Amino acid sequence: MNIGISTGCLYPELTENCIRILTGQGFDRFEIFFNTFSELEPDSLDRLRYYLDSHGAKAVSLHPFVSSFESFLLFSAYERRFIDGSKFYEMFYRAASRIGADKVVLHGLNTSYASSLSDEEYFRRYSIMQESAGRYGVKLLQENVNIFRSSKPSFIAGMREALPDTAAFVLDLKQALRAGTDPYEMIAAMGSRLRHVHISDRTADGQCVLPFCGEYDLEGFISQLASAGYDEDIIIEVYRTSFGSLAELKDSYTRLEETTKRYSCRRIN
């Protein structure tokens, strides 16, 4: 397991400044949270890739800034909009490939959005998008998100069963806890198709904080990941309001890295 961090932790700092600040703190694996269209222009992406390469750092995933729009764009009853939306998302796959990342995060369908889409149709559309992502050497990862259809382990398990060779998932611990879902159930639902993890901690009153700054049993969670055969990235993803200083961020990273080193794991296919 490799530890990284999302540039979203420093939002609303400019994305390129996030990389500069975080590499200065010794971070070298990143989820890049792009925040606007101009950041996806080739020149901007090339500058970002050059900076990462020159600092021995790597982008492992990309988080689109239009996640809240996915219900309307990709999962409404209007098929033509899905076709156009699927083509629109190719700019994220292209951007990921250009900066050296091989994963793009999908939130999916918000349950507050009026949609009659069946799970089967959802899976069909995801499969089409996954095929498109594959042409860029990228995987589209369905994330579990509170108040989204993906918040339920039963939905995730159904997706994995329907698409055993193409479904791929990112597990977000904060989102599972907010949804009242047992994270261990979500690990089991995602199974060997789990490809990415967003990690954080939670206080007694439910606030999102840095790993090991709250009360959740993170060591047990990491042990469960290891037992499930997970051996990919664990990305710290919190809000800028979740911590006070960069020193706190680095301390959390160091403790997380030390904890994961105690667990050797091998993917179970």
C-alpha atoms as a PDB file:
ATOM      1  CA  MET A   1       0.000   0.000   0.000  1.00  0.00           C
ATOM      2  CA  ASN A   2       1.267   3.436  -0.983  1.00  0.00           C
ATOM      3  CA  ILE A   3       0.222   6.620   0.806  1.00  0.00           C
ATOM      4  CA  GLY A   4      -0.668   9.752  -1.129  1.00  0.00           C
ATOM      5  CA  ILE A   5      -2.723  12.894  -0.791  1.00  0.00           C
ATOM      6  CA  SER A   6      -5.420  14.742  -2.717  1.00  0.00           C
ATOM      7  CA  THR A   7      -4.716  18.296  -3.834  1.00  0.00           C
ATOM      8  CA  GLY A   8      -8.309  18.902  -2.725  1.00  0.00           C
ATOM      9  CA  CYS A   9      -7.009  19.004   0.853  1.00  0.00           C
ATOM     10  CA  LEU A  10      -5.731  22.530   0.152  1.00  0.00           C
ATOM     11  CA  TYR A  11      -8.762  23.816  -1.787  1.00  0.00           C
ATOM     12  CA  PRO A  12      -9.256  26.637  -2.828  1.00  0.00           C
ATOM     13  CA  GLU A  13      -5.509  26.995  -3.391  1.00  0.00           C
ATOM     14  CA  LEU A  14      -4.671  26.846  -7.105  1.00  0.00           C
ATOM     15  CA  THR A  15      -4.052  23.269  -8.216  1.00  0.00           C
ATOM     16  CA  GLU A  16      -0.451  23.868  -9.321  1.00  0.00           C
ATOM     17  CA  ASN A  17       0.280  25.642  -6.031  1.00  0.00           C
ATOM     18  CA  CYS A  18      -1.111  22.638  -4.149  1.00  0.00           C
ATOM     19  CA  ILE A  19       1.469  20.434  -5.874  1.00  0.00           C
ATOM     20  CA  ARG A  20       4.261  22.906  -5.117  1.00  0.00           C
ATOM     21  CA  ILE A  21       3.292  23.146  -1.447  1.00  0.00           C
ATOM     22  CA  LEU A  22       2.761  19.421  -0.942  1.00  0.00           C
ATOM     23  CA  THR A  23       5.925  18.280  -2.727  1.00  0.00           C
ATOM     24  CA  GLY A  24       7.724  20.764  -0.482  1.00  0.00           C
ATOM     25  CA  GLN A  25       6.373  18.781   2.458  1.00  0.00           C
ATOM     26  CA  GLY A  26       7.678  15.510   1.026  1.00  0.00           C
ATOM     27  CA  PHE A  27       4.498  14.166  -0.564  1.00  0.00           C
ATOM     28  CA  ASP A  28       5.124  12.361  -3.841  1.00  0.00           C
ATOM     29  CA  ARG A  29       1.853  10.584  -4.783  1.00  0.00           C
ATOM     30  CA  PHE A  30      -1.219  12.608  -5.658  1.00  0.00           C
ATOM     31  CA  GLU A  31      -4.833  12.575  -6.553  1.00  0.00           C
ATOM     32  CA  ILE A  32      -5.234  15.712  -8.642  1.00  0.00           C
ATOM     33  CA  PHE A  33      -8.522  17.486  -8.007  1.00  0.00           C
ATOM     34  CA  PHE A  34      -9.000  19.691 -11.050  1.00  0.00           C
ATOM     35  CA  ASN A  35     -11.239  22.689 -10.427  1.00  0.00           C
ATOM     36  CA  THR A  36     -11.929  24.318 -13.795  1.00  0.00           C
ATOM     37  CA  PHE A  37     -11.682  23.828 -17.544  1.00  0.00           C
ATOM     38  CA  SER A  38      -8.482  25.819 -18.144  1.00  0.00           C
ATOM     39  CA  GLU A  39      -6.552  23.395 -15.923  1.00  0.00           C
ATOM     40  CA  LEU A  40      -7.329  20.679 -18.480  1.00  0.00           C
ATOM     41  CA  GLU A  41      -5.698  22.527 -21.380  1.00  0.00           C
ATOM     42  CA  PRO A  42      -2.668  20.679 -22.851  1.00  0.00           C
ATOM     43  CA  ASP A  43      -0.161  23.385 -21.879  1.00  0.00           C
ATOM     44  CA  SER A  44      -1.414  23.439 -18.301  1.00  0.00           C
ATOM     45  CA  LEU A  45      -1.303  19.644 -18.072  1.00  0.00           C
ATOM     46  CA  ASP A  46       2.203  19.512 -19.537  1.00  0.00           C
ATOM     47  CA  ARG A  47       3.467  22.050 -17.000  1.00  0.00           C
ATOM     48  CA  LEU A  48       1.906  20.030 -14.201  1.00  0.00           C
ATOM     49  CA  ARG A  49       3.431  16.782 -15.514  1.00  0.00           C
ATOM     50  CA  TYR A  50       6.852  18.427 -15.845  1.00  0.00           C
ATOM     51  CA  TYR A  51       6.693  19.681 -12.260  1.00  0.00           C
ATOM     52  CA  LEU A  52       5.665  16.268 -10.945  1.00  0.00           C
ATOM     53  CA  ASP A  53       8.398  14.478 -12.906  1.00  0.00           C
ATOM     54  CA  SER A  54      11.107  16.950 -11.885  1.00  0.00           C
ATOM     55  CA  HIS A  55      10.236  16.410  -8.212  1.00  0.00           C
ATOM     56  CA  GLY A  56      10.077  12.624  -8.437  1.00  0.00           C
ATOM     57  CA  ALA A  57       6.323  12.740  -7.833  1.00  0.00           C
ATOM     58  CA  LYS A  58       3.433  10.930  -9.493  1.00  0.00           C
ATOM     59  CA  ALA A  59      -0.238  11.598 -10.145  1.00  0.00           C
ATOM     60  CA  VAL A  60      -2.187   8.391  -9.557  1.00  0.00           C
ATOM     61  CA  SER A  61      -5.760   9.611 -10.007  1.00  0.00           C
ATOM     62  CA  LEU A  62      -7.876  12.504 -11.241  1.00  0.00           C
ATOM     63  CA  HIS A  63     -11.010  13.850  -9.579  1.00  0.00           C
ATOM     64  CA  PRO A  64     -13.328  15.813 -11.926  1.00  0.00           C
ATOM     65  CA  PHE A  65     -14.814  19.121 -10.765  1.00  0.00           C
ATOM     66  CA  VAL A  66     -18.203  18.303 -12.334  1.00  0.00           C
ATOM     67  CA  SER A  67     -19.093  15.374 -10.059  1.00  0.00           C
ATOM     68  CA  SER A  68     -22.222  17.148  -8.796  1.00  0.00           C
ATOM     69  CA  PHE A  69     -23.441  17.438 -12.402  1.00  0.00           C
ATOM     70  CA  GLU A  70     -23.146  13.736 -13.228  1.00  0.00           C
ATOM     71  CA  SER A  71     -26.743  12.879 -12.307  1.00  0.00           C
ATOM     72  CA  PHE A  72     -28.107  15.231 -14.975  1.00  0.00           C
ATOM     73  CA  LEU A  73     -25.347  14.742 -17.522  1.00  0.00           C
ATOM     74  CA  LEU A  74     -24.889  10.972 -17.406  1.00  0.00           C
ATOM     75  CA  PHE A  75     -27.770   9.309 -15.555  1.00  0.00           C
ATOM     76  CA  SER A  76     -30.984  11.060 -16.601  1.00  0.00           C
ATOM     77  CA  ALA A  77     -33.676   9.503 -18.759  1.00  0.00           C
ATOM     78  CA  TYR A  78     -32.453  11.492 -21.773  1.00  0.00           C
ATOM     79  CA  GLU A  79     -30.261   9.029 -23.659  1.00  0.00           C
ATOM     80  CA  ARG A  80     -28.808  11.577 -26.083  1.00  0.00           C
ATOM     81  CA  ARG A  81     -27.469  13.656 -23.180  1.00  0.00           C
ATOM     82  CA  PHE A  82     -25.734  10.573 -21.833  1.00  0.00           C
ATOM     83  CA  ILE A  83     -24.101   9.969 -25.211  1.00  0.00           C
ATOM     84  CA  ASP A  84     -22.881  13.569 -25.320  1.00  0.00           C
ATOM     85  CA  GLY A  85     -21.903  13.484 -21.649  1.00  0.00           C
ATOM     86  CA  SER A  86     -19.894  10.314 -22.136  1.00  0.00           C
ATOM     87  CA  LYS A  87     -17.963  12.021 -24.923  1.00  0.00           C
ATOM     88  CA  PHE A  88     -17.521  15.088 -22.708  1.00  0.00           C
ATOM     89  CA  TYR A  89     -15.896  12.924 -20.021  1.00  0.00           C
ATOM     90  CA  GLU A  90     -13.185  11.900 -22.450  1.00  0.00           C
ATOM     91  CA  MET A  91     -11.438  15.181 -21.612  1.00  0.00           C
ATOM     92  CA  PHE A  92     -10.858  13.840 -18.093  1.00  0.00           C
ATOM     93  CA  TYR A  93      -9.495  10.515 -19.361  1.00  0.00           C
ATOM     94  CA  ARG A  94      -7.248  12.391 -21.772  1.00  0.00           C
ATOM     95  CA  ALA A  95      -6.047  14.704 -18.991  1.00  0.00           C
ATOM     96  CA  ALA A  96      -5.358  11.790 -16.647  1.00  0.00           C
ATOM     97  CA  SER A  97      -3.309  10.022 -19.289  1.00  0.00           C
ATOM     98  CA  ARG A  98      -1.356  13.190 -20.064  1.00  0.00           C
ATOM     99  CA  ILE A  99      -0.268  13.691 -16.450  1.00  0.00           C
ATOM    100  CA  GLY A 100       0.530  10.003 -15.940  1.00  0.00           C
ATOM    101  CA  ALA A 101      -2.518   9.027 -13.847  1.00  0.00           C
ATOM    102  CA  ASP A 102      -4.505   5.890 -14.620  1.00  0.00           C
ATOM    103  CA  LYS A 103      -7.687   6.445 -12.593  1.00  0.00           C
ATOM    104  CA  VAL A 104     -10.637   8.847 -12.833  1.00  0.00           C
ATOM    105  CA  VAL A 105     -13.249   9.084 -10.051  1.00  0.00           C
ATOM    106  CA  LEU A 106     -17.007   8.906 -10.721  1.00  0.00           C
ATOM    107  CA  HIS A 107     -19.694   9.874  -8.174  1.00  0.00           C
ATOM    108  CA  GLY A 108     -22.679   8.860 -10.296  1.00  0.00           C
ATOM    109  CA  LEU A 109     -26.379   9.333  -9.529  1.00  0.00           C
ATOM    110  CA  ASN A 110     -27.525  11.462  -6.590  1.00  0.00           C
ATOM    111  CA  THR A 111     -30.618   9.928  -4.996  1.00  0.00           C
ATOM    112  CA  SER A 112     -32.187  13.388  -4.630  1.00  0.00           C
ATOM    113  CA  TYR A 113     -32.234  13.677  -8.431  1.00  0.00           C
ATOM    114  CA  ALA A 114     -35.491  12.473  -9.974  1.00  0.00           C
ATOM    115  CA  SER A 115     -34.374   9.537 -12.092  1.00  0.00           C
ATOM    116  CA  SER A 116     -36.203   6.359 -13.057  1.00  0.00           C
ATOM    117  CA  LEU A 117     -32.981   4.754 -14.251  1.00  0.00           C
ATOM    118  CA  SER A 118     -32.732   1.087 -13.298  1.00  0.00           C
ATOM    119  CA  ASP A 119     -29.558  -0.332 -11.816  1.00  0.00           C
ATOM    120  CA  GLU A 120     -29.145  -2.382 -14.977  1.00  0.00           C
ATOM    121  CA  GLU A 121     -29.225   0.735 -17.148  1.00  0.00           C
ATOM    122  CA  TYR A 122     -26.804   2.481 -14.784  1.00  0.00           C
ATOM    123  CA  PHE A 123     -24.391  -0.429 -15.146  1.00  0.00           C
ATOM    124  CA  ARG A 124     -24.765  -0.375 -18.940  1.00  0.00           C
ATOM    125  CA  ARG A 125     -23.868   3.310 -19.093  1.00  0.00           C
ATOM    126  CA  TYR A 126     -20.944   2.862 -16.742  1.00  0.00           C
ATOM    127  CA  SER A 127     -19.669   0.011 -18.917  1.00  0.00           C
ATOM    128  CA  ILE A 128     -19.789   2.245 -21.989  1.00  0.00           C
ATOM    129  CA  MET A 129     -17.822   4.928 -20.152  1.00  0.00           C
ATOM    130  CA  GLN A 130     -15.325   2.379 -18.870  1.00  0.00           C
ATOM    131  CA  GLU A 131     -14.690   1.202 -22.417  1.00  0.00           C
ATOM    132  CA  SER A 132     -14.092   4.800 -23.466  1.00  0.00           C
ATOM    133  CA  ALA A 133     -11.701   5.370 -20.542  1.00  0.00           C
ATOM    134  CA  GLY A 134      -9.780   2.248 -21.506  1.00  0.00           C
ATOM    135  CA  ARG A 135      -8.896   3.764 -24.864  1.00  0.00           C
ATOM    136  CA  TYR A 136      -6.808   6.285 -22.920  1.00  0.00           C
ATOM    137  CA  GLY A 137      -5.237   3.679 -20.643  1.00  0.00           C
ATOM    138  CA  VAL A 138      -7.416   4.829 -17.755  1.00  0.00           C
ATOM    139  CA  LYS A 139      -9.861   3.136 -15.363  1.00  0.00           C
ATOM    140  CA  LEU A 140     -13.128   4.840 -14.367  1.00  0.00           C
ATOM    141  CA  LEU A 141     -13.690   4.197 -10.663  1.00  0.00           C
ATOM    142  CA  GLN A 142     -17.136   4.238  -9.099  1.00  0.00           C
ATOM    143  CA  GLU A 143     -16.900   5.861  -5.666  1.00  0.00           C
ATOM    144  CA  ASN A 144     -19.255   5.188  -2.775  1.00  0.00           C
ATOM    145  CA  VAL A 145     -20.826   8.569  -1.981  1.00  0.00           C
ATOM    146  CA  ASN A 146     -23.366   9.521   0.680  1.00  0.00           C
ATOM    147  CA  ILE A 147     -26.879  10.256  -0.699  1.00  0.00           C
ATOM    148  CA  PHE A 148     -25.830   8.752  -4.025  1.00  0.00           C
ATOM    149  CA  ARG A 149     -26.997   5.395  -5.329  1.00  0.00           C
ATOM    150  CA  SER A 150     -23.463   4.125  -4.779  1.00  0.00           C
ATOM    151  CA  SER A 151     -23.768   4.636  -1.004  1.00  0.00           C
ATOM    152  CA  LYS A 152     -25.292   1.170  -0.552  1.00  0.00           C
ATOM    153  CA  PRO A 153     -23.109  -1.962  -0.457  1.00  0.00           C
ATOM    154  CA  SER A 154     -25.934  -3.844  -2.195  1.00  0.00           C
ATOM    155  CA  PHE A 155     -25.697  -1.518  -5.210  1.00  0.00           C
ATOM    156  CA  ILE A 156     -21.909  -1.872  -5.336  1.00  0.00           C
ATOM    157  CA  ALA A 157     -22.135  -5.649  -5.030  1.00  0.00           C
ATOM    158  CA  GLY A 158     -24.726  -5.710  -7.816  1.00  0.00           C
ATOM    159  CA  MET A 159     -22.470  -3.645 -10.031  1.00  0.00           C
ATOM    160  CA  ARG A 160     -19.545  -5.948  -9.373  1.00  0.00           C
ATOM    161  CA  GLU A 161     -21.703  -8.997 -10.172  1.00  0.00           C
ATOM    162  CA  ALA A 162     -23.081  -7.441 -13.364  1.00  0.00           C
ATOM    163  CA  LEU A 163     -19.645  -6.264 -14.552  1.00  0.00           C
ATOM    164  CA  PRO A 164     -17.168  -8.757 -13.058  1.00  0.00           C
ATOM    165  CA  ASP A 165     -14.356  -7.863 -15.443  1.00  0.00           C
ATOM    166  CA  THR A 166     -14.865  -4.119 -15.898  1.00  0.00           C
ATOM    167  CA  ALA A 167     -16.270  -2.635 -12.680  1.00  0.00           C
ATOM    168  CA  ALA A 168     -13.686  -0.793 -10.590  1.00  0.00           C
ATOM    169  CA  PHE A 169     -14.182   1.064  -7.332  1.00  0.00           C
ATOM    170  CA  VAL A 170     -12.801   3.692  -5.001  1.00  0.00           C
ATOM    171  CA  LEU A 171     -13.736   3.375  -1.345  1.00  0.00           C
ATOM    172  CA  ASP A 172     -14.151   6.677   0.502  1.00  0.00           C
ATOM    173  CA  LEU A 173     -14.138   6.104   4.254  1.00  0.00           C
ATOM    174  CA  LYS A 174     -15.724   9.449   5.158  1.00  0.00           C
ATOM    175  CA  GLN A 175     -18.565   8.879   2.702  1.00  0.00           C
ATOM    176  CA  ALA A 176     -19.248   5.391   4.058  1.00  0.00           C
ATOM    177  CA  LEU A 177     -19.419   6.702   7.618  1.00  0.00           C
ATOM    178  CA  ARG A 178     -21.682   9.599   6.625  1.00  0.00           C
ATOM    179  CA  ALA A 179     -24.039   7.162   4.918  1.00  0.00           C
ATOM    180  CA  GLY A 180     -24.186   4.998   8.038  1.00  0.00           C
ATOM    181  CA  THR A 181     -22.549   2.164   6.117  1.00  0.00           C
ATOM    182  CA  ASP A 182     -20.144  -0.276   7.704  1.00  0.00           C
ATOM    183  CA  PRO A 183     -16.873   0.319   5.788  1.00  0.00           C
ATOM    184  CA  TYR A 184     -16.033  -3.368   6.125  1.00  0.00           C
ATOM    185  CA  GLU A 185     -19.255  -4.224   4.270  1.00  0.00           C
ATOM    186  CA  MET A 186     -18.205  -1.843   1.521  1.00  0.00           C
ATOM    187  CA  ILE A 187     -14.772  -3.481   1.287  1.00  0.00           C
ATOM    188  CA  ALA A 188     -16.490  -6.851   0.921  1.00  0.00           C
ATOM    189  CA  ALA A 189     -18.934  -5.509  -1.686  1.00  0.00           C
ATOM    190  CA  MET A 190     -16.116  -4.079  -3.794  1.00  0.00           C
ATOM    191  CA  GLY A 191     -13.988  -7.177  -3.347  1.00  0.00           C
ATOM    192  CA  SER A 192     -11.097  -7.669  -5.732  1.00  0.00           C
ATOM    193  CA  ARG A 193     -12.380  -4.785  -7.891  1.00  0.00           C
ATOM    194  CA  LEU A 194     -11.330  -2.215  -5.252  1.00  0.00           C
ATOM    195  CA  ARG A 195      -8.661  -0.053  -6.879  1.00  0.00           C
ATOM    196  CA  HIS A 196      -8.367   3.108  -4.768  1.00  0.00           C
ATOM    197  CA  VAL A 197      -9.032   4.318  -1.216  1.00  0.00           C
ATOM    198  CA  HIS A 198      -9.778   7.791   0.185  1.00  0.00           C
ATOM    199  CA  ILE A 199      -8.972   7.909   3.881  1.00  0.00           C
ATOM    200  CA  SER A 200      -9.794  10.321   6.697  1.00  0.00           C
ATOM    201  CA  ASP A 201     -10.858  10.147  10.334  1.00  0.00           C
ATOM    202  CA  ARG A 202     -13.950  11.194  12.266  1.00  0.00           C
ATOM    203  CA  THR A 203     -14.456  12.893  15.624  1.00  0.00           C
ATOM    204  CA  ALA A 204     -17.106  11.913  18.139  1.00  0.00           C
ATOM    205  CA  ASP A 205     -19.411  14.636  16.772  1.00  0.00           C
ATOM    206  CA  GLY A 206     -18.967  13.467  13.180  1.00  0.00           C
ATOM    207  CA  GLN A 207     -16.428  15.981  11.911  1.00  0.00           C
ATOM    208  CA  CYS A 208     -14.022  14.936   9.145  1.00  0.00           C
ATOM    209  CA  VAL A 209     -10.407  15.224  10.321  1.00  0.00           C
ATOM    210  CA  LEU A 210      -6.978  13.957   9.344  1.00  0.00           C
ATOM    211  CA  PRO A 211      -6.175  10.261   9.816  1.00  0.00           C
ATOM    212  CA  PHE A 212      -5.362   9.477  13.468  1.00  0.00           C
ATOM    213  CA  CYS A 213      -6.807  12.791  14.654  1.00  0.00           C
ATOM    214  CA  GLY A 214     -10.247  11.354  15.398  1.00  0.00           C
ATOM    215  CA  GLU A 215     -11.815   8.306  17.007  1.00  0.00           C
ATOM    216  CA  TYR A 216     -12.306   5.824  14.166  1.00  0.00           C
ATOM    217  CA  ASP A 217     -10.297   2.586  14.333  1.00  0.00           C
ATOM    218  CA  LEU A 218      -8.065   3.263  11.343  1.00  0.00           C
ATOM    219  CA  GLU A 219      -5.629   0.508  12.208  1.00  0.00           C
ATOM    220  CA  GLY A 220      -8.478  -1.988  12.086  1.00  0.00           C
ATOM    221  CA  PHE A 221      -9.630  -0.521   8.764  1.00  0.00           C
ATOM    222  CA  ILE A 222      -6.155  -0.843   7.253  1.00  0.00           C
ATOM    223  CA  SER A 223      -5.883  -4.373   8.597  1.00  0.00           C
ATOM    224  CA  GLN A 224      -9.185  -5.216   6.903  1.00  0.00           C
ATOM    225  CA  LEU A 225      -7.927  -3.776   3.606  1.00  0.00           C
ATOM    226  CA  ALA A 226      -4.813  -5.899   3.905  1.00  0.00           C
ATOM    227  CA  SER A 227      -6.853  -9.008   4.676  1.00  0.00           C
ATOM    228  CA  ALA A 228      -8.914  -8.348   1.543  1.00  0.00           C
ATOM    229  CA  GLY A 229      -5.715  -8.275  -0.509  1.00  0.00           C
ATOM    230  CA  TYR A 230      -5.661  -4.535  -1.154  1.00  0.00           C
ATOM    231  CA  ASP A 231      -2.207  -3.346  -2.215  1.00  0.00           C
ATOM    232  CA  GLU A 232      -2.776  -0.061  -4.057  1.00  0.00           C
ATOM    233  CA  ASP A 233      -2.926   3.613  -3.069  1.00  0.00           C
ATOM    234  CA  ILE A 234      -4.449   5.069   0.063  1.00  0.00           C
ATOM    235  CA  ILE A 235      -5.080   8.773  -0.509  1.00  0.00           C
ATOM    236  CA  ILE A 236      -5.576  11.264   2.324  1.00  0.00           C
ATOM    237  CA  GLU A 237      -8.670  13.240   1.321  1.00  0.00           C
ATOM    238  CA  VAL A 238      -9.997  15.792   3.799  1.00  0.00           C
ATOM    239  CA  TYR A 239     -11.109  19.428   3.663  1.00  0.00           C
ATOM    240  CA  ARG A 240      -8.920  22.459   4.284  1.00  0.00           C
ATOM    241  CA  THR A 241     -11.005  23.102   7.399  1.00  0.00           C
ATOM    242  CA  SER A 242     -10.137  19.609   8.686  1.00  0.00           C
ATOM    243  CA  PHE A 243      -6.665  20.586   9.918  1.00  0.00           C
ATOM    244  CA  GLY A 244      -4.742  23.601  11.120  1.00  0.00           C
ATOM    245  CA  SER A 245      -1.245  23.365   9.698  1.00  0.00           C
ATOM    246  CA  LEU A 246       0.932  21.606   7.157  1.00  0.00           C
ATOM    247  CA  ALA A 247       2.859  20.108  10.068  1.00  0.00           C
ATOM    248  CA  GLU A 248      -0.334  18.337  11.177  1.00  0.00           C
ATOM    249  CA  LEU A 249      -0.815  17.073   7.637  1.00  0.00           C
ATOM    250  CA  LYS A 250       2.708  15.680   7.504  1.00  0.00           C
ATOM    251  CA  ASP A 251       2.405  14.066  10.935  1.00  0.00           C
ATOM    252  CA  SER A 252      -0.797  12.317   9.844  1.00  0.00           C
ATOM    253  CA  TYR A 253       0.896  11.112   6.659  1.00  0.00           C
ATOM    254  CA  THR A 254       3.882   9.763   8.591  1.00  0.00           C
ATOM    255  CA  ARG A 255       1.719   7.852  11.035  1.00  0.00           C
ATOM    256  CA  LEU A 256      -0.406   6.447   8.231  1.00  0.00           C
ATOM    257  CA  GLU A 257       2.687   5.323   6.352  1.00  0.00           C
ATOM    258  CA  GLU A 258       4.092   3.648   9.473  1.00  0.00           C
ATOM    259  CA  THR A 259       0.794   1.854  10.062  1.00  0.00           C
ATOM    260  CA  THR A 260       0.479   0.488   6.530  1.00  0.00           C
ATOM    261  CA  LYS A 261       4.048  -0.788   6.641  1.00  0.00           C
ATOM    262  CA  ARG A 262       3.006  -3.148   9.409  1.00  0.00           C
ATOM    263  CA  TYR A 263       0.693  -4.920   7.011  1.00  0.00           C
ATOM    264  CA  SER A 264       1.972  -6.787   3.997  1.00  0.00           C
ATOM    265  CA  CYS A 265      -0.817  -7.711   1.632  1.00  0.00           C
ATOM    266  CA  ARG A 266      -1.326  -9.531  -1.620  1.00  0.00           C
ATOM    267  CA  ARG A 267      -4.256  -8.997  -3.994  1.00  0.00           C
ATOM    268  CA  ILE A 268      -6.742 -11.840  -4.006  1.00  0.00           C
ATOM    269  CA  ASN A 269      -8.289 -12.299  -7.464  1.00  0.00           C
END
